[in-house]
């Protein structure tokens, strides 16, 4: 599954989850619309993935 980072453009409107560097969910239910940038993460090396 594709990983997205803070500041990247969102490819598809949906709900995303933020994961920490150990692949554990840090924050759920982040709404991001297509074309918007992903928000800042809480720690370095965090990333976002679309929820299933």
PDB file of N, CA and C in Angstrom:
ATOM      1  N   UNK A   1       0.847  -1.179   0.000  1.00  0.00           N
ATOM      2  CA  UNK A   1       0.000   0.000   0.000  1.00  0.00           C
ATOM      3  C   UNK A   1       0.893   1.244   0.000  1.00  0.00           C
ATOM      4  N   UNK A   2       0.490   2.233  -0.773  1.00  0.00           N
ATOM      5  CA  UNK A   2       1.269   3.461  -0.950  1.00  0.00           C
ATOM      6  C   UNK A   2       1.358   4.265   0.349  1.00  0.00           C
ATOM      7  N   UNK A   3       2.547   4.782   0.622  1.00  0.00           N
ATOM      8  CA  UNK A   3       2.760   5.653   1.775  1.00  0.00           C
ATOM      9  C   UNK A   3       2.894   7.084   1.268  1.00  0.00           C
ATOM     10  N   UNK A   4       2.296   8.021   1.996  1.00  0.00           N
ATOM     11  CA  UNK A   4       2.350   9.438   1.639  1.00  0.00           C
ATOM     12  C   UNK A   4       2.962  10.215   2.800  1.00  0.00           C
ATOM     13  N   UNK A   5       3.648  11.288   2.481  1.00  0.00           N
ATOM     14  CA  UNK A   5       4.323  12.077   3.509  1.00  0.00           C
ATOM     15  C   UNK A   5       3.771  13.495   3.564  1.00  0.00           C
ATOM     16  N   UNK A   6       3.999  14.127   4.680  1.00  0.00           N
ATOM     17  CA  UNK A   6       3.563  15.498   4.901  1.00  0.00           C
ATOM     18  C   UNK A   6       4.015  16.383   3.741  1.00  0.00           C
ATOM     19  N   UNK A   7       3.092  17.205   3.249  1.00  0.00           N
ATOM     20  CA  UNK A   7       3.409  18.135   2.172  1.00  0.00           C
ATOM     21  C   UNK A   7       3.166  17.600   0.778  1.00  0.00           C
ATOM     22  N   UNK A   8       3.001  16.289   0.628  1.00  0.00           N
ATOM     23  CA  UNK A   8       2.703  15.717  -0.682  1.00  0.00           C
ATOM     24  C   UNK A   8       1.240  15.988  -1.040  1.00  0.00           C
ATOM     25  N   UNK A   9       0.949  16.060  -2.328  1.00  0.00           N
ATOM     26  CA  UNK A   9      -0.430  16.227  -2.773  1.00  0.00           C
ATOM     27  C   UNK A   9      -1.176  14.908  -2.644  1.00  0.00           C
ATOM     28  N   UNK A  10      -2.403  15.001  -2.160  1.00  0.00           N
ATOM     29  CA  UNK A  10      -3.249  13.820  -1.995  1.00  0.00           C
ATOM     30  C   UNK A  10      -3.795  13.386  -3.363  1.00  0.00           C
ATOM     31  N   UNK A  11      -3.635  12.107  -3.722  1.00  0.00           N
ATOM     32  CA  UNK A  11      -4.094  11.641  -5.024  1.00  0.00           C
ATOM     33  C   UNK A  11      -5.590  11.316  -5.086  1.00  0.00           C
ATOM     34  N   UNK A  12      -6.212  11.089  -3.926  1.00  0.00           N
ATOM     35  CA  UNK A  12      -7.603  10.657  -3.907  1.00  0.00           C
ATOM     36  C   UNK A  12      -8.255  11.087  -2.598  1.00  0.00           C
ATOM     37  N   UNK A  13      -9.439  11.676  -2.681  1.00  0.00           N
ATOM     38  CA  UNK A  13     -10.179  12.066  -1.488  1.00  0.00           C
ATOM     39  C   UNK A  13     -10.496  10.830  -0.657  1.00  0.00           C
ATOM     40  N   UNK A  14     -10.288  10.943   0.648  1.00  0.00           N
ATOM     41  CA  UNK A  14     -10.610   9.819   1.520  1.00  0.00           C
ATOM     42  C   UNK A  14     -10.138  10.025   2.932  1.00  0.00           C
ATOM     43  N   UNK A  15     -10.293   8.980   3.714  1.00  0.00           N
ATOM     44  CA  UNK A  15      -9.821   8.974   5.105  1.00  0.00           C
ATOM     45  C   UNK A  15      -8.461   8.297   5.136  1.00  0.00           C
ATOM     46  N   UNK A  16      -7.542   8.931   5.818  1.00  0.00           N
ATOM     47  CA  UNK A  16      -6.183   8.434   5.922  1.00  0.00           C
ATOM     48  C   UNK A  16      -5.828   8.270   7.396  1.00  0.00           C
ATOM     49  N   UNK A  17      -4.855   7.416   7.660  1.00  0.00           N
ATOM     50  CA  UNK A  17      -4.319   7.235   9.009  1.00  0.00           C
ATOM     51  C   UNK A  17      -2.856   7.618   8.996  1.00  0.00           C
ATOM     52  N   UNK A  18      -2.404   8.198  10.101  1.00  0.00           N
ATOM     53  CA  UNK A  18      -0.990   8.562  10.258  1.00  0.00           C
ATOM     54  C   UNK A  18      -0.304   7.444  11.034  1.00  0.00           C
ATOM     55  N   UNK A  19       0.842   7.013  10.537  1.00  0.00           N
ATOM     56  CA  UNK A  19       1.621   5.944  11.162  1.00  0.00           C
ATOM     57  C   UNK A  19       2.970   6.488  11.607  1.00  0.00           C
ATOM     58  N   UNK A  20       3.494   5.945  12.698  1.00  0.00           N
ATOM     59  CA  UNK A  20       4.826   6.350  13.140  1.00  0.00           C
ATOM     60  C   UNK A  20       5.886   5.517  12.432  1.00  0.00           C
ATOM     61  N   UNK A  21       7.135   5.755  12.746  1.00  0.00           N
ATOM     62  CA  UNK A  21       8.235   5.075  12.066  1.00  0.00           C
ATOM     63  C   UNK A  21       8.280   3.572  12.346  1.00  0.00           C
ATOM     64  N   UNK A  22       7.532   3.108  13.348  1.00  0.00           N
ATOM     65  CA  UNK A  22       7.453   1.677  13.660  1.00  0.00           C
ATOM     66  C   UNK A  22       6.205   1.030  13.067  1.00  0.00           C
ATOM     67  N   UNK A  23       5.551   1.732  12.142  1.00  0.00           N
ATOM     68  CA  UNK A  23       4.339   1.246  11.461  1.00  0.00           C
ATOM     69  C   UNK A  23       3.151   1.047  12.392  1.00  0.00           C
ATOM     70  N   UNK A  24       3.098   1.801  13.479  1.00  0.00           N
ATOM     71  CA  UNK A  24       1.956   1.759  14.390  1.00  0.00           C
ATOM     72  C   UNK A  24       1.092   2.994  14.149  1.00  0.00           C
ATOM     73  N   UNK A  25      -0.231   2.813  14.218  1.00  0.00           N
ATOM     74  CA  UNK A  25      -1.150   3.927  13.980  1.00  0.00           C
ATOM     75  C   UNK A  25      -0.960   4.992  15.053  1.00  0.00           C
ATOM     76  N   UNK A  26      -0.750   6.215  14.596  1.00  0.00           N
ATOM     77  CA  UNK A  26      -0.567   7.345  15.506  1.00  0.00           C
ATOM     78  C   UNK A  26      -1.856   8.159  15.575  1.00  0.00           C
ATOM     79  N   UNK A  27      -2.542   8.286  14.447  1.00  0.00           N
ATOM     80  CA  UNK A  27      -3.747   9.090  14.377  1.00  0.00           C
ATOM     81  C   UNK A  27      -4.652   8.518  13.274  1.00  0.00           C
ATOM     82  N   UNK A  28      -5.919   8.316  13.578  1.00  0.00           N
ATOM     83  CA  UNK A  28      -6.870   7.773  12.609  1.00  0.00           C
ATOM     84  C   UNK A  28      -7.824   8.867  12.128  1.00  0.00           C
ATOM     85  N   UNK A  29      -8.537   8.547  11.067  1.00  0.00           N
ATOM     86  CA  UNK A  29      -9.625   9.387  10.554  1.00  0.00           C
ATOM     87  C   UNK A  29      -9.201  10.805  10.197  1.00  0.00           C
ATOM     88  N   UNK A  30      -8.192  10.913   9.370  1.00  0.00           N
ATOM     89  CA  UNK A  30      -7.765  12.212   8.858  1.00  0.00           C
ATOM     90  C   UNK A  30      -8.371  12.358   7.468  1.00  0.00           C
ATOM     91  N   UNK A  31      -9.257  13.334   7.295  1.00  0.00           N
ATOM     92  CA  UNK A  31      -9.890  13.573   6.004  1.00  0.00           C
ATOM     93  C   UNK A  31      -8.987  14.453   5.156  1.00  0.00           C
ATOM     94  N   UNK A  32      -8.666  13.980   3.958  1.00  0.00           N
ATOM     95  CA  UNK A  32      -7.852  14.755   3.027  1.00  0.00           C
ATOM     96  C   UNK A  32      -8.524  14.678   1.660  1.00  0.00           C
ATOM     97  N   UNK A  33      -8.676  15.835   1.025  1.00  0.00           N
ATOM     98  CA  UNK A  33      -9.300  15.885  -0.287  1.00  0.00           C
ATOM     99  C   UNK A  33      -8.249  15.832  -1.390  1.00  0.00           C
ATOM    100  N   UNK A  34      -8.651  15.298  -2.524  1.00  0.00           N
ATOM    101  CA  UNK A  34      -7.765  15.201  -3.681  1.00  0.00           C
ATOM    102  C   UNK A  34      -7.195  16.584  -3.997  1.00  0.00           C
ATOM    103  N   UNK A  35      -5.881  16.637  -4.201  1.00  0.00           N
ATOM    104  CA  UNK A  35      -5.205  17.882  -4.536  1.00  0.00           C
ATOM    105  C   UNK A  35      -4.704  18.669  -3.336  1.00  0.00           C
ATOM    106  N   UNK A  36      -5.251  18.392  -2.140  1.00  0.00           N
ATOM    107  CA  UNK A  36      -4.751  19.063  -0.935  1.00  0.00           C
ATOM    108  C   UNK A  36      -3.437  18.413  -0.531  1.00  0.00           C
ATOM    109  N   UNK A  37      -2.654  19.136   0.240  1.00  0.00           N
ATOM    110  CA  UNK A  37      -1.405  18.578   0.761  1.00  0.00           C
ATOM    111  C   UNK A  37      -1.689  17.849   2.072  1.00  0.00           C
ATOM    112  N   UNK A  38      -0.947  16.777   2.291  1.00  0.00           N
ATOM    113  CA  UNK A  38      -1.074  16.072   3.564  1.00  0.00           C
ATOM    114  C   UNK A  38      -0.567  16.982   4.680  1.00  0.00           C
ATOM    115  N   UNK A  39      -1.228  16.939   5.851  1.00  0.00           N
ATOM    116  CA  UNK A  39      -0.857  17.828   6.953  1.00  0.00           C
ATOM    117  C   UNK A  39       0.490  17.453   7.578  1.00  0.00           C
ATOM    118  N   UNK A  40       1.018  18.351   8.408  1.00  0.00           N
ATOM    119  CA  UNK A  40       2.258  18.028   9.129  1.00  0.00           C
ATOM    120  C   UNK A  40       2.054  16.810  10.025  1.00  0.00           C
ATOM    121  N   UNK A  41       3.094  16.016  10.180  1.00  0.00           N
ATOM    122  CA  UNK A  41       3.042  14.858  11.067  1.00  0.00           C
ATOM    123  C   UNK A  41       3.538  15.250  12.453  1.00  0.00           C
ATOM    124  N   UNK A  42       3.261  14.402  13.423  1.00  0.00           N
ATOM    125  CA  UNK A  42       3.630  14.689  14.810  1.00  0.00           C
ATOM    126  C   UNK A  42       5.097  14.389  15.107  1.00  0.00           C
ATOM    127  N   UNK A  43       5.707  13.538  14.307  1.00  0.00           N
ATOM    128  CA  UNK A  43       7.112  13.173  14.495  1.00  0.00           C
ATOM    129  C   UNK A  43       7.769  13.020  13.131  1.00  0.00           C
ATOM    130  N   UNK A  44       9.088  13.063  13.114  1.00  0.00           N
ATOM    131  CA  UNK A  44       9.822  12.798  11.880  1.00  0.00           C
ATOM    132  C   UNK A  44       9.594  11.346  11.478  1.00  0.00           C
ATOM    133  N   UNK A  45       9.657  11.069  10.201  1.00  0.00           N
ATOM    134  CA  UNK A  45       9.515   9.706   9.641  1.00  0.00           C
ATOM    135  C   UNK A  45       8.114   9.130   9.763  1.00  0.00           C
ATOM    136  N   UNK A  46       7.108   9.942  10.066  1.00  0.00           N
ATOM    137  CA  UNK A  46       5.727   9.469  10.053  1.00  0.00           C
ATOM    138  C   UNK A  46       5.227   9.543   8.623  1.00  0.00           C
ATOM    139  N   UNK A  47       4.161   8.813   8.344  1.00  0.00           N
ATOM    140  CA  UNK A  47       3.593   8.804   7.005  1.00  0.00           C
ATOM    141  C   UNK A  47       2.103   8.534   7.084  1.00  0.00           C
ATOM    142  N   UNK A  48       1.427   8.677   5.956  1.00  0.00           N
ATOM    143  CA  UNK A  48      -0.009   8.456   5.864  1.00  0.00           C
ATOM    144  C   UNK A  48      -0.310   7.315   4.902  1.00  0.00           C
ATOM    145  N   UNK A  49      -1.379   6.571   5.195  1.00  0.00           N
ATOM    146  CA  UNK A  49      -1.882   5.544   4.270  1.00  0.00           C
ATOM    147  C   UNK A  49      -3.408   5.671   4.272  1.00  0.00           C
ATOM    148  N   UNK A  50      -4.000   5.418   3.091  1.00  0.00           N
ATOM    149  CA  UNK A  50      -5.451   5.450   2.977  1.00  0.00           C
ATOM    150  C   UNK A  50      -6.023   4.288   3.801  1.00  0.00           C
ATOM    151  N   UNK A  51      -7.164   4.537   4.446  1.00  0.00           N
ATOM    152  CA  UNK A  51      -7.813   3.486   5.221  1.00  0.00           C
ATOM    153  C   UNK A  51      -8.500   2.526   4.268  1.00  0.00           C
ATOM    154  N   UNK A  52      -8.544   1.277   4.643  1.00  0.00           N
ATOM    155  CA  UNK A  52      -9.198   0.241   3.827  1.00  0.00           C
ATOM    156  C   UNK A  52     -10.689   0.325   3.926  1.00  0.00           C
TER     157      UNK A  52
END
